[in-house]
C-alpha atoms as a PDB file:
ATOM      1  CA  MET A   1     -11.733   9.082 -25.347  1.00  0.00           C
ATOM      2  CA  ALA A   2     -11.317  12.360 -24.099  1.00  0.00           C
ATOM      3  CA  LYS A   3     -14.211  14.844 -23.296  1.00  0.00           C
ATOM      4  CA  LEU A   4     -14.517  17.720 -22.619  1.00  0.00           C
ATOM      5  CA  TYR A   5     -16.007  19.130 -18.571  1.00  0.00           C
ATOM      6  CA  ARG A   6     -16.559  22.116 -17.350  1.00  0.00           C
ATOM      7  CA  CYS A   7     -17.756  23.130 -13.877  1.00  0.00           C
ATOM      8  CA  THR A   8     -20.942  24.655 -13.537  1.00  0.00           C
ATOM      9  CA  ILE A   9     -19.806  26.603  -9.850  1.00  0.00           C
ATOM     10  CA  CYS A  10     -16.464  27.679 -11.506  1.00  0.00           C
ATOM     11  CA  GLY A  11     -16.594  27.433 -14.595  1.00  0.00           C
ATOM     12  CA  ASP A  12     -13.235  25.912 -15.487  1.00  0.00           C
ATOM     13  CA  ALA A  13     -12.658  23.093 -17.919  1.00  0.00           C
ATOM     14  CA  TYR A  14     -12.175  19.889 -17.530  1.00  0.00           C
ATOM     15  CA  ILE A  15     -10.372  17.102 -20.087  1.00  0.00           C
ATOM     16  CA  GLY A  16     -11.066  13.616 -19.113  1.00  0.00           C
ATOM     17  CA  ALA A  17     -12.333  10.058 -20.174  1.00  0.00           C
ATOM     18  CA  SER A  18     -15.586  10.604 -17.441  1.00  0.00           C
ATOM     19  CA  PRO A  19     -15.951  13.917 -14.836  1.00  0.00           C
ATOM     20  CA  PRO A  20     -14.158  13.883 -12.108  1.00  0.00           C
ATOM     21  CA  ALA A  21     -15.833  12.924  -8.781  1.00  0.00           C
ATOM     22  CA  ASN A  22     -14.453  17.248  -7.723  1.00  0.00           C
ATOM     23  CA  CYS A  23     -13.531  19.747  -9.788  1.00  0.00           C
ATOM     24  CA  PRO A  24      -9.988  19.467  -9.389  1.00  0.00           C
ATOM     25  CA  PHE A  25     -10.425  23.864  -9.015  1.00  0.00           C
ATOM     26  CA  CYS A  26     -12.590  24.441  -7.037  1.00  0.00           C
ATOM     27  CA  GLY A  27     -13.191  21.042  -5.421  1.00  0.00           C
ATOM     28  CA  ALA A  28     -17.445  21.331  -6.157  1.00  0.00           C
ATOM     29  CA  HIS A  29     -18.843  17.620  -6.986  1.00  0.00           C
ATOM     30  CA  MET A  30     -19.869  15.475  -9.980  1.00  0.00           C
ATOM     31  CA  GLU A  31     -22.841  16.427 -10.194  1.00  0.00           C
ATOM     32  CA  TYR A  32     -22.033  20.143 -10.684  1.00  0.00           C
ATOM     33  CA  ILE A  33     -19.440  19.162 -13.719  1.00  0.00           C
ATOM     34  CA  VAL A  34     -20.968  18.567 -16.919  1.00  0.00           C
ATOM     35  CA  GLU A  35     -20.491  17.850 -20.294  1.00  0.00           C
ATOM     36  CA  ALA A  36     -19.203  21.593 -21.241  1.00  0.00           C
ATOM     37  CA  LYS A  37     -21.526  21.670 -24.483  1.00  0.00           C
ATOM     38  CA  ASP A  38     -24.145  21.258 -22.425  1.00  0.00           C
ATOM     39  CA  ALA A  39     -23.002  23.759 -19.025  1.00  0.00           C
ATOM     40  CA  VAL A  40     -24.310  26.577 -18.778  1.00  0.00           C
ATOM     41  CA  VAL A  41     -22.454  28.777 -16.323  1.00  0.00           C
ATOM     42  CA  ASN A  42     -23.562  32.397 -15.775  1.00  0.00           C
ATOM     43  CA  PHE A  43     -21.692  35.147 -13.101  1.00  0.00           C
ATOM     44  CA  ASP A  44     -23.199  37.864 -14.827  1.00  0.00           C
ATOM     45  CA  VAL A  45     -26.213  38.130 -11.925  1.00  0.00           C
ATOM     46  CA  SER A  46     -28.068  40.565 -10.597  1.00  0.00           C
ATOM     47  CA  LEU A  47     -27.515  42.018  -6.999  1.00  0.00           C
ATOM     48  CA  SER A  48     -29.407  42.750  -4.199  1.00  0.00           C
ATOM     49  CA  VAL A  49     -28.487  45.437  -1.620  1.00  0.00           C
ATOM     50  CA  LYS A  50     -28.545  42.262   0.538  1.00  0.00           C
ATOM     51  CA  ASP A  51     -26.777  39.992  -2.117  1.00  0.00           C
ATOM     52  CA  GLN A  52     -24.429  41.907  -2.534  1.00  0.00           C
ATOM     53  CA  ALA A  53     -23.256  42.127   1.067  1.00  0.00           C
ATOM     54  CA  LYS A  54     -23.263  38.006   0.604  1.00  0.00           C
ATOM     55  CA  ALA A  55     -21.194  37.836  -1.995  1.00  0.00           C
ATOM     56  CA  GLU A  56     -18.891  40.832  -0.647  1.00  0.00           C
ATOM     57  CA  HIS A  57     -18.185  38.369   3.219  1.00  0.00           C
ATOM     58  CA  ALA A  58     -17.393  34.943   1.081  1.00  0.00           C
ATOM     59  CA  LEU A  59     -15.280  37.235  -1.161  1.00  0.00           C
ATOM     60  CA  LYS A  60     -13.896  38.397   2.023  1.00  0.00           C
ATOM     61  CA  VAL A  61     -13.587  34.529   3.196  1.00  0.00           C
ATOM     62  CA  GLU A  62     -12.084  33.403   0.664  1.00  0.00           C
ATOM     63  CA  ILE A  63      -8.973  35.592   0.656  1.00  0.00           C
ATOM     64  CA  SER A  64      -8.209  34.751   3.975  1.00  0.00           C
ATOM     65  CA  ASN A  65      -8.596  31.587   3.643  1.00  0.00           C
ATOM     66  CA  SER A  66      -6.485  31.091   0.793  1.00  0.00           C
ATOM     67  CA  ALA A  67      -3.974  32.898   2.263  1.00  0.00           C
ATOM     68  CA  PHE A  68      -4.672  31.249   5.343  1.00  0.00           C
ATOM     69  CA  TYR A  69      -3.516  27.796   4.297  1.00  0.00           C
ATOM     70  CA  MET A  70      -0.812  29.666   1.538  1.00  0.00           C
ATOM     71  CA  CYS A  71       1.118  30.474   4.904  1.00  0.00           C
ATOM     72  CA  ALA A  72       0.343  26.972   6.661  1.00  0.00           C
ATOM     73  CA  ALA A  73       1.708  25.681   3.605  1.00  0.00           C
ATOM     74  CA  ASN A  74       5.156  26.846   4.057  1.00  0.00           C
ATOM     75  CA  GLN A  75       4.984  26.939   8.251  1.00  0.00           C
ATOM     76  CA  THR A  76       3.909  23.779   8.488  1.00  0.00           C
ATOM     77  CA  ASP A  77       6.509  21.542  10.502  1.00  0.00           C
ATOM     78  CA  ASP A  78       4.249  18.839   8.532  1.00  0.00           C
ATOM     79  CA  PRO A  79       5.149  17.307   5.093  1.00  0.00           C
ATOM     80  CA  GLU A  80       1.302  16.446   4.672  1.00  0.00           C
ATOM     81  CA  GLY A  81       0.568  19.418   5.997  1.00  0.00           C
ATOM     82  CA  LYS A  82       2.252  20.702   3.625  1.00  0.00           C
ATOM     83  CA  ILE A  83       0.722  19.164   0.658  1.00  0.00           C
ATOM     84  CA  LEU A  84      -2.790  19.320   2.328  1.00  0.00           C
ATOM     85  CA  PHE A  85      -2.682  23.192   2.433  1.00  0.00           C
ATOM     86  CA  LYS A  86      -1.162  24.332  -0.154  1.00  0.00           C
ATOM     87  CA  ALA A  87      -3.973  21.893  -2.615  1.00  0.00           C
ATOM     88  CA  LEU A  88      -6.814  23.482   0.494  1.00  0.00           C
ATOM     89  CA  GLY A  89      -4.869  27.921  -0.544  1.00  0.00           C
ATOM     90  CA  LYS A  90      -5.350  26.874  -4.097  1.00  0.00           C
ATOM     91  CA  ILE A  91      -9.150  25.607  -3.999  1.00  0.00           C
ATOM     92  CA  GLU A  92      -9.735  28.249  -1.167  1.00  0.00           C
ATOM     93  CA  ALA A  93      -7.912  30.748  -4.063  1.00  0.00           C
ATOM     94  CA  GLU A  94     -10.677  29.474  -6.354  1.00  0.00           C
ATOM     95  CA  HIS A  95     -13.684  30.642  -4.302  1.00  0.00           C
ATOM     96  CA  ALA A  96     -12.514  34.203  -4.394  1.00  0.00           C
ATOM     97  CA  SER A  97     -12.302  33.568  -8.054  1.00  0.00           C
ATOM     98  CA  ILE A  98     -15.943  33.050  -7.845  1.00  0.00           C
ATOM     99  CA  TRP A  99     -17.053  35.626  -6.384  1.00  0.00           C
ATOM    100  CA  ARG A 100     -14.619  37.999  -8.111  1.00  0.00           C
ATOM    101  CA  LYS A 101     -16.769  37.954 -10.749  1.00  0.00           C
ATOM    102  CA  ILE A 102     -20.081  37.594  -8.815  1.00  0.00           C
ATOM    103  CA  LEU A 103     -19.051  40.739  -7.871  1.00  0.00           C
ATOM    104  CA  LYS A 104     -17.140  42.362 -11.068  1.00  0.00           C
ATOM    105  CA  LEU A 105     -14.093  43.065  -9.620  1.00  0.00           C
ATOM    106  CA  GLY A 106     -10.958  42.982 -12.085  1.00  0.00           C
ATOM    107  CA  SER A 107      -9.025  40.549  -9.677  1.00  0.00           C
ATOM    108  CA  VAL A 108      -8.626  39.191  -6.391  1.00  0.00           C
ATOM    109  CA  PRO A 109      -7.105  41.445  -3.711  1.00  0.00           C
ATOM    110  CA  PRO A 110      -3.991  40.125  -2.129  1.00  0.00           C
ATOM    111  CA  GLY A 111      -5.214  38.059   1.693  1.00  0.00           C
ATOM    112  CA  LYS A 112      -2.365  38.226   4.053  1.00  0.00           C
ATOM    113  CA  GLU A 113      -3.111  36.187   7.326  1.00  0.00           C
ATOM    114  CA  SER A 114      -0.386  33.950  10.292  1.00  0.00           C
ATOM    115  CA  CYS A 115      -0.417  30.255  10.593  1.00  0.00           C
ATOM    116  CA  TYR A 116       0.839  28.381  12.670  1.00  0.00           C
ATOM    117  CA  THR A 117       4.492  26.035  12.804  1.00  0.00           C
ATOM    118  CA  PRO A 118       2.819  23.392  14.440  1.00  0.00           C
ATOM    119  CA  ASN A 119       1.158  21.286  11.068  1.00  0.00           C
ATOM    120  CA  VAL A 120      -1.498  20.926  14.662  1.00  0.00           C
ATOM    121  CA  GLU A 121      -2.131  23.735  15.378  1.00  0.00           C
ATOM    122  CA  ASN A 122      -3.224  24.326  11.659  1.00  0.00           C
ATOM    123  CA  LEU A 123      -5.239  21.814  11.623  1.00  0.00           C
ATOM    124  CA  LYS A 124      -7.487  23.511  14.135  1.00  0.00           C
ATOM    125  CA  GLU A 125      -7.237  26.939  12.579  1.00  0.00           C
ATOM    126  CA  SER A 126      -8.392  24.451   9.210  1.00  0.00           C
ATOM    127  CA  HIS A 127     -11.252  23.163  11.504  1.00  0.00           C
ATOM    128  CA  ALA A 128     -12.541  26.725  12.641  1.00  0.00           C
ATOM    129  CA  ARG A 129     -12.493  28.453   9.766  1.00  0.00           C
ATOM    130  CA  GLU A 130     -14.156  25.887   7.858  1.00  0.00           C
ATOM    131  CA  THR A 131     -15.996  24.881  10.300  1.00  0.00           C
ATOM    132  CA  ARG A 132     -17.482  29.401   9.878  1.00  0.00           C
ATOM    133  CA  ALA A 133     -17.235  29.328   6.379  1.00  0.00           C
ATOM    134  CA  ILE A 134     -19.810  26.125   6.572  1.00  0.00           C
ATOM    135  CA  ASP A 135     -22.599  28.284   8.534  1.00  0.00           C
ATOM    136  CA  PHE A 136     -21.454  31.021   6.432  1.00  0.00           C
ATOM    137  CA  TYR A 137     -22.541  29.321   2.927  1.00  0.00           C
ATOM    138  CA  ARG A 138     -25.314  27.732   4.601  1.00  0.00           C
ATOM    139  CA  LYS A 139     -27.271  31.090   5.905  1.00  0.00           C
ATOM    140  CA  ALA A 140     -25.953  32.451   2.706  1.00  0.00           C
ATOM    141  CA  ALA A 141     -27.620  29.366   0.416  1.00  0.00           C
ATOM    142  CA  SER A 142     -31.011  29.548   2.276  1.00  0.00           C
ATOM    143  CA  GLU A 143     -31.807  33.802   2.818  1.00  0.00           C
ATOM    144  CA  SER A 144     -30.465  34.415  -1.570  1.00  0.00           C
ATOM    145  CA  ASP A 145     -32.426  35.776  -3.504  1.00  0.00           C
ATOM    146  CA  HIS A 146     -31.051  34.568  -6.471  1.00  0.00           C
ATOM    147  CA  PRO A 147     -31.144  31.097  -7.325  1.00  0.00           C
ATOM    148  CA  ARG A 148     -27.269  30.998  -8.996  1.00  0.00           C
ATOM    149  CA  LEU A 149     -26.309  32.469  -5.560  1.00  0.00           C
ATOM    150  CA  ARG A 150     -28.162  30.323  -3.729  1.00  0.00           C
ATOM    151  CA  GLN A 151     -26.519  26.939  -5.855  1.00  0.00           C
ATOM    152  CA  ILE A 152     -23.031  28.149  -5.822  1.00  0.00           C
ATOM    153  CA  PHE A 153     -23.877  28.646  -1.522  1.00  0.00           C
ATOM    154  CA  ALA A 154     -24.808  25.080  -1.751  1.00  0.00           C
ATOM    155  CA  ALA A 155     -21.800  23.929  -3.320  1.00  0.00           C
ATOM    156  CA  LEU A 156     -19.780  25.385  -0.949  1.00  0.00           C
ATOM    157  CA  VAL A 157     -20.694  24.045   2.078  1.00  0.00           C
ATOM    158  CA  GLU A 158     -20.161  20.744   0.265  1.00  0.00           C
ATOM    159  CA  ILE A 159     -16.822  21.363  -0.878  1.00  0.00           C
ATOM    160  CA  GLU A 160     -16.813  23.409   2.742  1.00  0.00           C
ATOM    161  CA  THR A 161     -18.037  20.545   4.369  1.00  0.00           C
ATOM    162  CA  ASP A 162     -15.414  18.333   2.744  1.00  0.00           C
ATOM    163  CA  HIS A 163     -11.951  19.818   3.055  1.00  0.00           C
ATOM    164  CA  LEU A 164     -13.190  20.104   6.864  1.00  0.00           C
ATOM    165  CA  HIS A 165     -13.424  15.835   6.665  1.00  0.00           C
ATOM    166  CA  LEU A 166     -10.198  16.490   6.218  1.00  0.00           C
ATOM    167  CA  SER A 167      -8.413  18.760   9.752  1.00  0.00           C
ATOM    168  CA  GLU A 168     -11.363  16.228  11.848  1.00  0.00           C
ATOM    169  CA  GLU A 169      -9.189  13.155  11.118  1.00  0.00           C
ATOM    170  CA  ARG A 170      -5.876  14.355  10.238  1.00  0.00           C
ATOM    171  CA  LEU A 171      -6.975  15.535  14.002  1.00  0.00           C
ATOM    172  CA  LYS A 172      -7.594  11.827  15.741  1.00  0.00           C
END
C-alpha cells in the first residue's frame, strides 16, 4: 500500500510503498525521509549574522553547481555523462531552493557557468566542485548557531559525498 513520505531536508513529498534510499528531489539519505504526518520541516529559521553569511554562500555554491551541471548535461560528449549531469543539476537546484527558503527569497537567482565538451574534463570539474562543497558544508555544520542549519549542512555533506563518489568512479 502506498504511503505519503516527506523529506525533512527539502520538504518535498514522495509517494511509495516504502521510503526511498535517497530523496528523489534533494538526494538526502533515507534517515531524513519520514511519513508525511510525522515530518517536521522548518525553513523559518532565525539566522545569526554568521549563519546568514553561511546560508548566502551555500546558495551561491548551489546555484553555481546547478548551472555548471546543466551546462555539462548539454555539452558533454558522453551519453551517460549527459544523464548524470542533468540529474546532478536538478539535485543542486533543489539544494539552492532549500537555501532560498531559509533566506526567505522569492526566487533563486539564475546561474551562469561554463563547462567542457570532453566528459573527463566535466568529471574533473565536478570532483573539484563537490570537494569544495563538502569542505564548506562540513565546516558550516560544525560552526552553525542553529540546529536546523547544522542538520541541513550535515545532510548536504552526505549528499555531496555521494556525488563525489559518482565522479571518482567515472574517473578511474
